[in-house]
Amino acid sequence: MIRRLAALGLVLLPGAVVAEPPGERRDELINLVRQDCGSCHGLTMKGGLGPPLLPAALADKDPESLRLVVLNGRRGTPMPPWRDFFTEAEAGWVIELLREGLPDERR
C-alpha cells in the first residue's frame, strides 16, 4: 500500500499524510540515507555501529519515535541529530521509506 501511495507522492504516518519530496530533493535524501546513515548503520542498512534499518527491524517500532530519533539524535550514543539536514516532514518520509525498504534504483 505504501508503494501505491508513494506513487501518488504520499506516504502515511499514523494520523498524518506526508508528501514525497520533489524529485531532486528525493534523490538527495535517498543518497544522504545511503551514505550518511549507511556509514554507521551499514551501506546495506544491515547494521554496523548502529542497528539495522531494514523493514523487518523497524516493523515493530513506532514511526513517530523513529522520526524524533532522526531529528534529535540519541544522547549517550553516536546517533547525532539530523534536524539541520531534514525537515520534520522529510524525516517522516525517510522513516516510512526505510520501513518499506530503500529503492534499488533512483528515478
C-alpha atoms as a PDB file:
ATOM      1  CA  MET A   1       0.000   0.000   0.000  1.00  0.00           C
ATOM      2  CA  ILE A   2       2.803   2.433   0.840  1.00  0.00           C
ATOM      3  CA  ARG A   3       4.331   1.897  -2.591  1.00  0.00           C
ATOM      4  CA  ARG A   4       0.986   2.776  -4.194  1.00  0.00           C
ATOM      5  CA  LEU A   5       0.700   5.871  -2.033  1.00  0.00           C
ATOM      6  CA  ALA A   6       4.319   6.778  -2.778  1.00  0.00           C
ATOM      7  CA  ALA A   7       3.497   6.596  -6.471  1.00  0.00           C
ATOM      8  CA  LEU A   8       0.927   9.292  -5.753  1.00  0.00           C
ATOM      9  CA  GLY A   9       3.531  11.244  -3.813  1.00  0.00           C
ATOM     10  CA  LEU A  10       2.008  10.445  -0.417  1.00  0.00           C
ATOM     11  CA  VAL A  11       3.192   8.341   2.488  1.00  0.00           C
ATOM     12  CA  LEU A  12       1.092   7.698   5.566  1.00  0.00           C
ATOM     13  CA  LEU A  13       2.292   8.095   9.110  1.00  0.00           C
ATOM     14  CA  PRO A  14      -0.140   7.346  11.874  1.00  0.00           C
ATOM     15  CA  GLY A  15      -2.519  10.282  11.766  1.00  0.00           C
ATOM     16  CA  ALA A  16      -0.622  12.173   9.054  1.00  0.00           C
ATOM     17  CA  VAL A  17      -0.069  12.286   5.322  1.00  0.00           C
ATOM     18  CA  VAL A  18       3.484  13.093   4.270  1.00  0.00           C
ATOM     19  CA  ALA A  19       4.148  14.272   0.748  1.00  0.00           C
ATOM     20  CA  GLU A  20       7.050  12.689  -1.073  1.00  0.00           C
ATOM     21  CA  PRO A  21       9.739  15.322  -1.655  1.00  0.00           C
ATOM     22  CA  PRO A  22      10.187  16.614  -5.215  1.00  0.00           C
ATOM     23  CA  GLY A  23      12.445  14.505  -7.488  1.00  0.00           C
ATOM     24  CA  GLU A  24      15.806  16.191  -6.921  1.00  0.00           C
ATOM     25  CA  ARG A  25      15.303  16.516  -3.156  1.00  0.00           C
ATOM     26  CA  ARG A  26      14.014  12.947  -3.023  1.00  0.00           C
ATOM     27  CA  ASP A  27      17.235  11.760  -4.659  1.00  0.00           C
ATOM     28  CA  GLU A  28      19.320  13.889  -2.257  1.00  0.00           C
ATOM     29  CA  LEU A  29      17.537  12.372   0.740  1.00  0.00           C
ATOM     30  CA  ILE A  30      17.949   8.817  -0.522  1.00  0.00           C
ATOM     31  CA  ASN A  31      21.653   9.491  -1.135  1.00  0.00           C
ATOM     32  CA  LEU A  32      22.002  11.002   2.336  1.00  0.00           C
ATOM     33  CA  VAL A  33      20.377   7.932   3.885  1.00  0.00           C
ATOM     34  CA  ARG A  34      22.529   5.543   1.864  1.00  0.00           C
ATOM     35  CA  GLN A  35      25.813   7.364   2.511  1.00  0.00           C
ATOM     36  CA  ASP A  36      25.499   9.221   5.805  1.00  0.00           C
ATOM     37  CA  CYS A  37      23.170   6.868   7.660  1.00  0.00           C
ATOM     38  CA  GLY A  38      24.895   3.944   5.954  1.00  0.00           C
ATOM     39  CA  SER A  39      28.257   4.989   7.385  1.00  0.00           C
ATOM     40  CA  CYS A  40      27.025   3.815  10.820  1.00  0.00           C
ATOM     41  CA  HIS A  41      24.075   1.556  10.016  1.00  0.00           C
ATOM     42  CA  GLY A  42      25.878  -0.226   7.173  1.00  0.00           C
ATOM     43  CA  LEU A  43      25.728   0.617   3.485  1.00  0.00           C
ATOM     44  CA  THR A  44      23.190  -2.179   3.080  1.00  0.00           C
ATOM     45  CA  MET A  45      21.354  -0.989   6.226  1.00  0.00           C
ATOM     46  CA  LYS A  46      22.017  -4.374   7.873  1.00  0.00           C
ATOM     47  CA  GLY A  47      23.653  -2.715  10.871  1.00  0.00           C
ATOM     48  CA  GLY A  48      27.137  -1.761  11.953  1.00  0.00           C
ATOM     49  CA  LEU A  49      27.951   0.736  14.670  1.00  0.00           C
ATOM     50  CA  GLY A  50      24.203   1.477  14.637  1.00  0.00           C
ATOM     51  CA  PRO A  51      21.354  -1.044  14.494  1.00  0.00           C
ATOM     52  CA  PRO A  52      19.890  -2.325  11.212  1.00  0.00           C
ATOM     53  CA  LEU A  53      17.472  -0.072   9.355  1.00  0.00           C
ATOM     54  CA  LEU A  54      15.771  -2.795   7.346  1.00  0.00           C
ATOM     55  CA  PRO A  55      11.973  -3.100   7.186  1.00  0.00           C
ATOM     56  CA  ALA A  56      11.924  -6.183   9.436  1.00  0.00           C
ATOM     57  CA  ALA A  57      13.997  -4.409  12.098  1.00  0.00           C
ATOM     58  CA  LEU A  58      11.745  -1.323  12.013  1.00  0.00           C
ATOM     59  CA  ALA A  59       8.360  -3.071  11.699  1.00  0.00           C
ATOM     60  CA  ASP A  60       7.556  -3.050  15.415  1.00  0.00           C
ATOM     61  CA  LYS A  61       8.980   0.427  16.073  1.00  0.00           C
ATOM     62  CA  ASP A  62       6.748   3.469  16.453  1.00  0.00           C
ATOM     63  CA  PRO A  63       7.262   5.691  13.369  1.00  0.00           C
ATOM     64  CA  GLU A  64       6.864   8.880  15.413  1.00  0.00           C
ATOM     65  CA  SER A  65       9.549   7.763  17.883  1.00  0.00           C
ATOM     66  CA  LEU A  66      11.871   6.921  14.998  1.00  0.00           C
ATOM     67  CA  ARG A  67      11.232  10.322  13.418  1.00  0.00           C
ATOM     68  CA  LEU A  68      12.158  12.018  16.701  1.00  0.00           C
ATOM     69  CA  VAL A  69      15.369   9.971  16.925  1.00  0.00           C
ATOM     70  CA  VAL A  70      16.315  11.078  13.407  1.00  0.00           C
ATOM     71  CA  LEU A  71      15.619  14.714  14.190  1.00  0.00           C
ATOM     72  CA  ASN A  72      17.049  14.852  17.719  1.00  0.00           C
ATOM     73  CA  GLY A  73      19.623  12.047  17.853  1.00  0.00           C
ATOM     74  CA  ARG A  74      20.124   9.837  20.912  1.00  0.00           C
ATOM     75  CA  ARG A  75      22.029  11.251  23.838  1.00  0.00           C
ATOM     76  CA  GLY A  76      24.800   8.973  25.061  1.00  0.00           C
ATOM     77  CA  THR A  77      25.131   7.207  21.694  1.00  0.00           C
ATOM     78  CA  PRO A  78      26.903   8.044  18.420  1.00  0.00           C
ATOM     79  CA  MET A  79      23.492   8.886  16.847  1.00  0.00           C
ATOM     80  CA  PRO A  80      23.622  12.617  16.018  1.00  0.00           C
ATOM     81  CA  PRO A  81      20.649  14.906  15.450  1.00  0.00           C
ATOM     82  CA  TRP A  82      19.793  15.369  11.775  1.00  0.00           C
ATOM     83  CA  ARG A  83      17.428  18.322  12.261  1.00  0.00           C
ATOM     84  CA  ASP A  84      19.758  20.578  10.260  1.00  0.00           C
ATOM     85  CA  PHE A  85      19.504  18.250   7.258  1.00  0.00           C
ATOM     86  CA  PHE A  86      15.851  17.108   7.300  1.00  0.00           C
ATOM     87  CA  THR A  87      12.624  18.983   7.741  1.00  0.00           C
ATOM     88  CA  GLU A  88      10.156  17.266  10.061  1.00  0.00           C
ATOM     89  CA  ALA A  89       8.138  16.112   7.043  1.00  0.00           C
ATOM     90  CA  GLU A  90      11.255  14.797   5.300  1.00  0.00           C
ATOM     91  CA  ALA A  91      12.270  12.871   8.427  1.00  0.00           C
ATOM     92  CA  GLY A  92       8.816  11.261   8.474  1.00  0.00           C
ATOM     93  CA  TRP A  93       9.107  10.412   4.790  1.00  0.00           C
ATOM     94  CA  VAL A  94      12.565   8.872   5.322  1.00  0.00           C
ATOM     95  CA  ILE A  95      11.254   6.736   8.190  1.00  0.00           C
ATOM     96  CA  GLU A  96       8.426   5.390   6.034  1.00  0.00           C
ATOM     97  CA  LEU A  97      10.875   4.825   3.183  1.00  0.00           C
ATOM     98  CA  LEU A  98      13.126   2.776   5.483  1.00  0.00           C
ATOM     99  CA  ARG A  99      10.129   0.862   6.859  1.00  0.00           C
ATOM    100  CA  GLU A 100       9.187  -0.041   3.277  1.00  0.00           C
ATOM    101  CA  GLY A 101      12.799  -0.593   2.112  1.00  0.00           C
ATOM    102  CA  LEU A 102      15.110   1.740   0.233  1.00  0.00           C
ATOM    103  CA  PRO A 103      14.562   1.689  -3.510  1.00  0.00           C
ATOM    104  CA  ASP A 104      17.237  -0.075  -5.548  1.00  0.00           C
ATOM    105  CA  GLU A 105      17.006   2.448  -8.358  1.00  0.00           C
ATOM    106  CA  ARG A 106      16.662   6.190  -8.452  1.00  0.00           C
ATOM    107  CA  ARG A 107      14.063   7.826 -10.580  1.00  0.00           C
END
